[in-house]
Protein backbone atom coordinates (compact mmCIF):
# COMPACT_ATOMS: atom_id res chain seq x y z
CA MET A 1 0.00 0.00 0.00
CA PRO A 2 1.61 3.31 -1.06
CA ASN A 3 2.09 6.06 1.49
CA ASN A 4 0.46 9.26 0.17
CA GLN A 5 1.66 11.37 3.09
CA PRO A 6 4.47 13.83 2.30
CA ALA A 7 7.64 13.22 4.28
CA MET A 8 8.02 15.56 7.25
CA PRO A 9 11.40 17.27 7.31
CA ILE A 10 13.60 16.50 10.27
CA VAL A 11 14.25 19.39 12.65
CA PRO A 12 18.00 19.82 13.23
CA ILE A 13 19.03 18.92 16.78
CA GLU A 14 20.43 22.41 17.41
CA LEU A 15 16.89 23.83 17.03
CA GLY A 16 15.50 21.66 19.85
CA GLY A 17 13.46 23.75 22.29
CA LYS A 18 13.26 26.73 19.91
CA TRP A 19 10.37 28.30 17.98
CA ILE A 20 10.46 27.52 14.27
CA ALA A 21 8.81 29.29 11.34
CA TRP A 22 7.88 26.86 8.54
CA THR A 23 6.57 27.45 5.05
CA LEU A 24 2.85 26.57 4.92
CA ASP A 25 3.57 23.28 3.13
CA GLY A 26 6.08 22.35 5.87
CA SER A 27 8.90 21.80 3.41
CA ARG A 28 11.33 24.44 4.66
CA ILE A 29 12.37 26.16 7.89
CA VAL A 30 12.45 29.92 7.30
CA ALA A 31 13.51 31.21 10.73
CA HIS A 32 13.93 30.21 14.37
CA GLY A 33 14.22 31.92 17.75
CA ASP A 34 14.13 31.40 21.49
CA THR A 35 10.70 33.07 21.77
CA LEU A 36 7.73 33.24 19.42
CA ALA A 37 8.11 37.03 19.13
CA GLU A 38 11.79 36.68 18.18
CA CYS A 39 10.99 34.01 15.61
CA GLU A 40 8.19 36.11 14.09
CA ALA A 41 10.44 39.18 13.86
CA VAL A 42 13.22 37.29 12.08
CA ALA A 43 10.76 35.54 9.76
CA LYS A 44 9.14 38.87 8.84
CA GLN A 45 12.55 40.25 7.77
CA ILE A 46 13.32 37.18 5.64
CA CYS A 47 10.01 36.21 4.08
CA ASP A 48 6.71 37.86 3.08
CA ALA A 49 4.84 34.58 2.63
CA ASP A 50 2.35 33.12 5.11
CA LEU A 51 4.12 30.90 7.60
CA ARG A 52 3.23 28.51 10.39
CA PHE A 53 4.99 28.53 13.74
CA GLU A 54 5.64 25.72 16.18
CA LYS A 55 7.89 25.03 19.12
CA ALA A 56 10.24 22.10 18.61
CA PRO A 57 10.63 19.71 21.53
CA ARG A 58 13.98 19.78 23.31
CA ALA A 59 16.51 17.33 21.94
CA ASP A 60 16.47 15.31 25.17
CA VAL A 61 12.67 14.77 25.11
CA ARG A 62 11.13 11.66 23.54
CA PHE A 63 7.48 11.02 22.72
CA ILE A 64 6.08 7.58 23.38
CA GLY A 65 2.48 6.63 22.94
CA ALA A 66 -0.14 4.74 21.01
CA ALA A 67 -3.35 5.60 19.23
CA ARG A 68 -6.62 4.02 20.24
């Protein structure tokens, strides 16, 4: 069965715990910062496109779980 989901890019380990600005399609990291405001300010200087923001988990944090 083919997987129709696009591959999610891997966040570099040095960006763990930081805010990241992604392109809307999630294919490229545009900017990053320690706070959301810092990330937004840097992203605004670099790119005029619509972006999505998320906070990356720290590099030493692991997610474990299962779906019901």
